[in-house]
Amino acid sequence: MKTMTLNLKNEEMQVLEDLSGAQDLSKTAVIRQALRLYQMVHRRMQDGETMHFSGDPERALQFIGPGFSSGPSK
């Protein structure tokens, strides 16, 4: 097992603490779960699968963050 330091903004730490409390998991367990989810999504997209979000584009942007490209622009 290795150890690392993770620097988060106050808002990011609050999200981590909220998720930790809501799921009754340690903050470390939440980060591990997030990494597994990200790894799964990354692998599936590398294999050519696509990911879609329901709702308006603003909701997708809130989820994935700015600078994301879902493919060629139209």
N, C-alpha and C. Protein backbone atom coordinates (compact mmCIF):
# COMPACT_ATOMS: atom_id res chain seq x y z
N MET A 1 0.86 -1.16 0.00
CA MET A 1 0.00 0.00 0.00
C MET A 1 0.91 1.23 0.00
N LYS A 2 0.51 2.23 -0.76
CA LYS A 2 1.25 3.49 -0.82
C LYS A 2 0.37 4.61 -0.28
N THR A 3 1.02 5.69 0.13
CA THR A 3 0.33 6.85 0.69
C THR A 3 0.59 8.05 -0.21
N MET A 4 -0.41 8.91 -0.33
CA MET A 4 -0.25 10.14 -1.09
C MET A 4 -0.94 11.28 -0.36
N THR A 5 -0.55 12.49 -0.69
CA THR A 5 -1.20 13.67 -0.17
C THR A 5 -2.09 14.24 -1.26
N LEU A 6 -3.29 14.60 -0.92
CA LEU A 6 -4.24 15.15 -1.88
C LEU A 6 -4.65 16.53 -1.40
N ASN A 7 -4.36 17.54 -2.19
CA ASN A 7 -4.75 18.91 -1.86
C ASN A 7 -6.06 19.24 -2.55
N LEU A 8 -7.06 19.62 -1.78
CA LEU A 8 -8.38 19.95 -2.32
C LEU A 8 -8.76 21.36 -1.92
N LYS A 9 -9.53 22.01 -2.79
CA LYS A 9 -10.13 23.30 -2.43
C LYS A 9 -11.20 23.02 -1.38
N ASN A 10 -11.58 24.04 -0.65
CA ASN A 10 -12.60 23.87 0.39
C ASN A 10 -13.88 23.25 -0.16
N GLU A 11 -14.29 23.70 -1.34
CA GLU A 11 -15.52 23.19 -1.95
C GLU A 11 -15.39 21.71 -2.30
N GLU A 12 -14.22 21.32 -2.79
CA GLU A 12 -13.99 19.92 -3.15
C GLU A 12 -13.97 19.05 -1.90
N MET A 13 -13.36 19.53 -0.84
CA MET A 13 -13.34 18.79 0.43
C MET A 13 -14.74 18.64 0.98
N GLN A 14 -15.56 19.68 0.84
CA GLN A 14 -16.93 19.59 1.33
C GLN A 14 -17.71 18.53 0.56
N VAL A 15 -17.50 18.46 -0.75
CA VAL A 15 -18.15 17.42 -1.56
C VAL A 15 -17.71 16.04 -1.08
N LEU A 16 -16.41 15.87 -0.86
CA LEU A 16 -15.89 14.59 -0.39
C LEU A 16 -16.49 14.23 0.97
N GLU A 17 -16.55 15.19 1.86
CA GLU A 17 -17.13 14.93 3.18
C GLU A 17 -18.61 14.62 3.09
N ASP A 18 -19.34 15.32 2.22
CA ASP A 18 -20.77 15.05 2.03
C ASP A 18 -20.99 13.64 1.48
N LEU A 19 -20.21 13.25 0.47
CA LEU A 19 -20.34 11.90 -0.09
C LEU A 19 -19.98 10.84 0.94
N SER A 20 -18.94 11.11 1.69
CA SER A 20 -18.50 10.18 2.74
C SER A 20 -19.62 9.95 3.75
N GLY A 21 -20.23 11.03 4.20
CA GLY A 21 -21.32 10.92 5.17
C GLY A 21 -22.55 10.26 4.60
N ALA A 22 -22.91 10.62 3.37
CA ALA A 22 -24.12 10.08 2.74
C ALA A 22 -24.00 8.58 2.49
N GLN A 23 -22.79 8.11 2.20
CA GLN A 23 -22.59 6.69 1.89
C GLN A 23 -22.05 5.90 3.07
N ASP A 24 -21.82 6.58 4.18
CA ASP A 24 -21.25 5.94 5.37
C ASP A 24 -19.94 5.24 5.03
N LEU A 25 -19.08 5.96 4.28
CA LEU A 25 -17.77 5.47 3.88
C LEU A 25 -16.71 6.46 4.35
N SER A 26 -15.50 5.99 4.49
CA SER A 26 -14.41 6.90 4.78
C SER A 26 -14.13 7.74 3.54
N LYS A 27 -13.44 8.85 3.72
CA LYS A 27 -13.07 9.68 2.56
C LYS A 27 -12.15 8.90 1.63
N THR A 28 -11.29 8.08 2.19
CA THR A 28 -10.41 7.24 1.38
C THR A 28 -11.23 6.27 0.54
N ALA A 29 -12.26 5.66 1.12
CA ALA A 29 -13.10 4.72 0.38
C ALA A 29 -13.84 5.42 -0.75
N VAL A 30 -14.30 6.66 -0.53
CA VAL A 30 -14.98 7.42 -1.58
C VAL A 30 -14.02 7.69 -2.74
N ILE A 31 -12.78 8.08 -2.43
CA ILE A 31 -11.79 8.34 -3.48
C ILE A 31 -11.49 7.05 -4.24
N ARG A 32 -11.34 5.94 -3.55
CA ARG A 32 -11.09 4.66 -4.23
C ARG A 32 -12.25 4.29 -5.14
N GLN A 33 -13.47 4.49 -4.66
CA GLN A 33 -14.66 4.19 -5.46
C GLN A 33 -14.70 5.09 -6.69
N ALA A 34 -14.37 6.36 -6.53
CA ALA A 34 -14.36 7.29 -7.66
C ALA A 34 -13.31 6.88 -8.69
N LEU A 35 -12.15 6.44 -8.24
CA LEU A 35 -11.11 5.99 -9.16
C LEU A 35 -11.55 4.76 -9.95
N ARG A 36 -12.20 3.81 -9.28
CA ARG A 36 -12.68 2.62 -9.98
C ARG A 36 -13.72 3.00 -11.03
N LEU A 37 -14.63 3.91 -10.69
CA LEU A 37 -15.64 4.36 -11.64
C LEU A 37 -14.98 5.06 -12.82
N TYR A 38 -14.04 5.97 -12.55
CA TYR A 38 -13.34 6.68 -13.62
C TYR A 38 -12.59 5.71 -14.51
N GLN A 39 -11.94 4.72 -13.93
CA GLN A 39 -11.21 3.73 -14.70
C GLN A 39 -12.15 2.95 -15.62
N MET A 40 -13.32 2.55 -15.11
CA MET A 40 -14.29 1.82 -15.92
C MET A 40 -14.77 2.67 -17.09
N VAL A 41 -15.12 3.92 -16.82
CA VAL A 41 -15.59 4.82 -17.89
C VAL A 41 -14.47 5.02 -18.91
N HIS A 42 -13.27 5.26 -18.46
CA HIS A 42 -12.13 5.49 -19.36
C HIS A 42 -11.90 4.28 -20.26
N ARG A 43 -11.88 3.09 -19.70
CA ARG A 43 -11.68 1.87 -20.50
C ARG A 43 -12.78 1.67 -21.52
N ARG A 44 -14.01 1.87 -21.10
CA ARG A 44 -15.13 1.66 -22.02
C ARG A 44 -15.11 2.68 -23.15
N MET A 45 -14.73 3.92 -22.86
CA MET A 45 -14.65 4.92 -23.92
C MET A 45 -13.48 4.61 -24.86
N GLN A 46 -12.37 4.09 -24.32
CA GLN A 46 -11.26 3.68 -25.18
C GLN A 46 -11.66 2.54 -26.10
N ASP A 47 -12.59 1.72 -25.65
CA ASP A 47 -13.08 0.60 -26.46
C ASP A 47 -14.14 1.04 -27.46
N GLY A 48 -14.40 2.35 -27.54
CA GLY A 48 -15.31 2.86 -28.55
C GLY A 48 -16.73 3.10 -28.09
N GLU A 49 -17.00 2.84 -26.84
CA GLU A 49 -18.35 3.10 -26.35
C GLU A 49 -18.53 4.61 -26.17
N THR A 50 -19.76 5.04 -26.11
CA THR A 50 -20.04 6.45 -25.90
C THR A 50 -20.81 6.62 -24.59
N MET A 51 -20.81 7.84 -24.12
CA MET A 51 -21.48 8.16 -22.87
C MET A 51 -22.45 9.29 -23.14
N HIS A 52 -23.65 9.15 -22.65
CA HIS A 52 -24.67 10.16 -22.88
C HIS A 52 -25.30 10.58 -21.57
N PHE A 53 -25.69 11.83 -21.50
CA PHE A 53 -26.36 12.37 -20.32
C PHE A 53 -27.75 12.83 -20.73
N SER A 54 -28.71 12.55 -19.88
CA SER A 54 -30.05 13.05 -20.15
C SER A 54 -30.13 14.48 -19.64
N GLY A 55 -31.08 15.21 -20.14
CA GLY A 55 -31.24 16.58 -19.69
C GLY A 55 -30.51 17.56 -20.60
N ASP A 56 -30.40 18.77 -20.14
CA ASP A 56 -29.80 19.82 -20.96
C ASP A 56 -28.28 19.80 -20.88
N PRO A 57 -27.60 20.45 -21.82
CA PRO A 57 -26.13 20.46 -21.84
C PRO A 57 -25.51 21.05 -20.57
N GLU A 58 -26.19 21.96 -19.91
CA GLU A 58 -25.66 22.56 -18.69
C GLU A 58 -25.51 21.50 -17.59
N ARG A 59 -26.44 20.58 -17.52
CA ARG A 59 -26.35 19.51 -16.51
C ARG A 59 -25.17 18.61 -16.79
N ALA A 60 -24.92 18.30 -18.04
CA ALA A 60 -23.75 17.48 -18.39
C ALA A 60 -22.48 18.22 -18.04
N LEU A 61 -22.43 19.51 -18.32
CA LEU A 61 -21.25 20.31 -18.02
C LEU A 61 -20.98 20.33 -16.52
N GLN A 62 -22.03 20.40 -15.72
CA GLN A 62 -21.86 20.38 -14.27
C GLN A 62 -21.27 19.05 -13.82
N PHE A 63 -21.62 17.97 -14.51
CA PHE A 63 -21.12 16.65 -14.14
C PHE A 63 -19.68 16.43 -14.58
N ILE A 64 -19.37 16.78 -15.82
CA ILE A 64 -18.06 16.44 -16.37
C ILE A 64 -17.06 17.57 -16.31
N GLY A 65 -17.52 18.80 -16.12
CA GLY A 65 -16.60 19.92 -16.02
C GLY A 65 -16.32 20.57 -17.35
N PRO A 66 -15.79 21.78 -17.32
CA PRO A 66 -15.50 22.50 -18.56
C PRO A 66 -14.31 21.88 -19.30
N GLY A 67 -14.27 22.11 -20.60
CA GLY A 67 -13.14 21.62 -21.38
C GLY A 67 -13.33 20.22 -21.91
N PHE A 68 -14.47 19.59 -21.62
CA PHE A 68 -14.73 18.24 -22.10
C PHE A 68 -15.20 18.29 -23.53
N SER A 69 -14.68 17.42 -24.34
CA SER A 69 -15.14 17.31 -25.73
C SER A 69 -15.72 15.93 -25.92
N SER A 70 -16.96 15.87 -26.35
CA SER A 70 -17.61 14.59 -26.57
C SER A 70 -17.37 14.08 -27.98
N GLY A 71 -16.54 14.76 -28.73
CA GLY A 71 -16.27 14.34 -30.10
C GLY A 71 -16.10 15.55 -30.98
N PRO A 72 -16.10 15.33 -32.28
CA PRO A 72 -15.93 16.45 -33.19
C PRO A 72 -17.04 17.47 -33.05
N SER A 73 -16.69 18.75 -33.13
CA SER A 73 -17.73 19.77 -33.06
C SER A 73 -18.46 19.86 -34.37
N LYS A 74 -19.70 20.27 -34.27
CA LYS A 74 -20.56 20.35 -35.46
C LYS A 74 -20.56 21.74 -36.03
